[in-house]
Amino acid sequence: MSRICAICGKKPSAGRSIKRRGMAKKKGGVGRKITGISRRSFRPNLQKVRALINGTVKRIRVCAKCLKAGKVRKPLSRQKKSSSLRALTE
């Protein structure tokens, strides 16, 4: 499965991680120096969720932003049979 949100299509994006050393000028140093730049990826916060899609329940990967915004319709939770109902049916 790919790391893509099923609702908004958010996917990983690339960026850089910058390593610095030294003391800042305003703290009395000679300035911060860049000692290394490496590639990194920003991944979306994906969650596996059971959702109602066209009347059927499916498990999809959705980003947390879509979940908070209410773009996903969750199915009704199944209710367990109580012990009194089981006794009547048997």
C-alpha atoms as a PDB file:
ATOM      1  CA  MET A   1       0.000   0.000   0.000  1.00  0.00           C
ATOM      2  CA  SER A   2       1.251   3.435  -0.852  1.00  0.00           C
ATOM      3  CA  ARG A   3       1.569   6.335   1.575  1.00  0.00           C
ATOM      4  CA  ILE A   4      -1.211   8.402  -0.010  1.00  0.00           C
ATOM      5  CA  CYS A   5      -4.362   9.718   1.671  1.00  0.00           C
ATOM      6  CA  ALA A   6      -7.480   8.204   0.079  1.00  0.00           C
ATOM      7  CA  ILE A   7      -9.472  11.441   0.559  1.00  0.00           C
ATOM      8  CA  CYS A   8      -7.213  14.405  -0.265  1.00  0.00           C
ATOM      9  CA  GLY A   9      -4.318  12.657  -2.039  1.00  0.00           C
ATOM     10  CA  LYS A  10      -1.646  13.957   0.348  1.00  0.00           C
ATOM     11  CA  LYS A  11       1.643  12.094  -0.170  1.00  0.00           C
ATOM     12  CA  PRO A  12       5.230  12.266   1.079  1.00  0.00           C
ATOM     13  CA  SER A  13       7.206  15.337   0.090  1.00  0.00           C
ATOM     14  CA  ALA A  14      10.982  15.762   0.007  1.00  0.00           C
ATOM     15  CA  GLY A  15      13.064  18.308   1.852  1.00  0.00           C
ATOM     16  CA  ARG A  16      16.395  18.825   3.543  1.00  0.00           C
ATOM     17  CA  SER A  17      17.713  18.471   7.070  1.00  0.00           C
ATOM     18  CA  ILE A  18      20.355  21.078   7.961  1.00  0.00           C
ATOM     19  CA  LYS A  19      22.944  20.400  10.689  1.00  0.00           C
ATOM     20  CA  ARG A  20      24.481  23.451  12.359  1.00  0.00           C
ATOM     21  CA  ARG A  21      27.161  24.033  14.974  1.00  0.00           C
ATOM     22  CA  GLY A  22      28.607  26.990  16.800  1.00  0.00           C
ATOM     23  CA  MET A  23      27.211  29.774  18.979  1.00  0.00           C
ATOM     24  CA  ALA A  24      24.810  32.384  17.629  1.00  0.00           C
ATOM     25  CA  LYS A  25      26.160  35.918  17.135  1.00  0.00           C
ATOM     26  CA  LYS A  26      23.603  37.441  19.502  1.00  0.00           C
ATOM     27  CA  LYS A  27      24.870  35.130  22.249  1.00  0.00           C
ATOM     28  CA  GLY A  28      28.451  36.288  21.742  1.00  0.00           C
ATOM     29  CA  GLY A  29      29.654  33.702  19.256  1.00  0.00           C
ATOM     30  CA  VAL A  30      30.998  34.002  15.736  1.00  0.00           C
ATOM     31  CA  GLY A  31      27.813  32.644  14.154  1.00  0.00           C
ATOM     32  CA  ARG A  32      26.214  29.323  13.376  1.00  0.00           C
ATOM     33  CA  LYS A  33      27.927  27.289  10.658  1.00  0.00           C
ATOM     34  CA  ILE A  34      26.219  24.734   8.435  1.00  0.00           C
ATOM     35  CA  THR A  35      28.113  21.453   8.725  1.00  0.00           C
ATOM     36  CA  GLY A  36      25.894  19.171   6.696  1.00  0.00           C
ATOM     37  CA  ILE A  37      22.768  19.013   4.557  1.00  0.00           C
ATOM     38  CA  SER A  38      20.997  15.705   4.065  1.00  0.00           C
ATOM     39  CA  ARG A  39      17.819  14.708   2.247  1.00  0.00           C
ATOM     40  CA  ARG A  40      14.723  13.795   4.236  1.00  0.00           C
ATOM     41  CA  SER A  41      11.050  13.118   3.573  1.00  0.00           C
ATOM     42  CA  PHE A  42       7.981  14.629   5.209  1.00  0.00           C
ATOM     43  CA  ARG A  43       5.387  11.871   5.509  1.00  0.00           C
ATOM     44  CA  PRO A  44       1.664  12.457   6.048  1.00  0.00           C
ATOM     45  CA  ASN A  45       0.119  11.255   9.312  1.00  0.00           C
ATOM     46  CA  LEU A  46      -1.879   8.355   7.810  1.00  0.00           C
ATOM     47  CA  GLN A  47      -4.301   6.238   9.823  1.00  0.00           C
ATOM     48  CA  LYS A  48      -6.069   3.040   8.783  1.00  0.00           C
ATOM     49  CA  VAL A  49      -9.783   3.673   9.241  1.00  0.00           C
ATOM     50  CA  ARG A  50     -12.962   1.729   8.557  1.00  0.00           C
ATOM     51  CA  ALA A  51     -15.133   4.029   6.447  1.00  0.00           C
ATOM     52  CA  LEU A  52     -18.442   3.930   4.612  1.00  0.00           C
ATOM     53  CA  ILE A  53     -17.766   4.173   0.885  1.00  0.00           C
ATOM     54  CA  ASN A  54     -20.747   3.850  -1.496  1.00  0.00           C
ATOM     55  CA  GLY A  55     -22.728   2.016   1.183  1.00  0.00           C
ATOM     56  CA  THR A  56     -20.042  -0.578   1.915  1.00  0.00           C
ATOM     57  CA  VAL A  57     -17.545  -0.644   4.754  1.00  0.00           C
ATOM     58  CA  LYS A  58     -13.924  -0.520   3.596  1.00  0.00           C
ATOM     59  CA  ARG A  59     -10.621   0.007   5.352  1.00  0.00           C
ATOM     60  CA  ILE A  60      -8.762   2.982   3.881  1.00  0.00           C
ATOM     61  CA  ARG A  61      -5.698   5.063   4.732  1.00  0.00           C
ATOM     62  CA  VAL A  62      -6.652   8.623   5.630  1.00  0.00           C
ATOM     63  CA  CYS A  63      -4.516  11.521   6.888  1.00  0.00           C
ATOM     64  CA  ALA A  64      -5.256  12.950  10.335  1.00  0.00           C
ATOM     65  CA  LYS A  65      -6.222  16.312   8.821  1.00  0.00           C
ATOM     66  CA  CYS A  66      -9.106  14.715   6.881  1.00  0.00           C
ATOM     67  CA  LEU A  67     -10.224  12.801   9.977  1.00  0.00           C
ATOM     68  CA  LYS A  68     -10.311  15.994  12.070  1.00  0.00           C
ATOM     69  CA  ALA A  69     -12.177  17.874   9.337  1.00  0.00           C
ATOM     70  CA  GLY A  70     -14.897  15.188   9.291  1.00  0.00           C
ATOM     71  CA  LYS A  71     -14.382  14.213   5.651  1.00  0.00           C
ATOM     72  CA  VAL A  72     -14.595  10.494   6.536  1.00  0.00           C
ATOM     73  CA  ARG A  73     -17.930   8.884   7.368  1.00  0.00           C
ATOM     74  CA  LYS A  74     -17.403   6.067   9.842  1.00  0.00           C
ATOM     75  CA  PRO A  75     -19.773   3.075   9.953  1.00  0.00           C
ATOM     76  CA  LEU A  76     -22.014   2.361  12.906  1.00  0.00           C
ATOM     77  CA  SER A  77     -20.281   0.123  15.414  1.00  0.00           C
ATOM     78  CA  ARG A  78     -21.668  -3.378  15.674  1.00  0.00           C
ATOM     79  CA  GLN A  79     -23.580  -3.976  18.881  1.00  0.00           C
ATOM     80  CA  LYS A  80     -22.850  -7.165  20.758  1.00  0.00           C
ATOM     81  CA  LYS A  81     -25.737  -9.416  21.715  1.00  0.00           C
ATOM     82  CA  SER A  82     -26.463  -9.222  25.396  1.00  0.00           C
ATOM     83  CA  SER A  83     -26.633 -12.395  27.476  1.00  0.00           C
ATOM     84  CA  SER A  84     -30.414 -12.035  27.960  1.00  0.00           C
ATOM     85  CA  LEU A  85     -31.012 -11.950  24.194  1.00  0.00           C
ATOM     86  CA  ARG A  86     -28.817 -15.011  23.685  1.00  0.00           C
ATOM     87  CA  ALA A  87     -30.765 -16.923  26.305  1.00  0.00           C
ATOM     88  CA  LEU A  88     -34.050 -16.124  24.499  1.00  0.00           C
ATOM     89  CA  THR A  89     -32.770 -17.259  21.109  1.00  0.00           C
ATOM     90  CA  GLU A  90     -31.399 -20.599  22.359  1.00  0.00           C
END
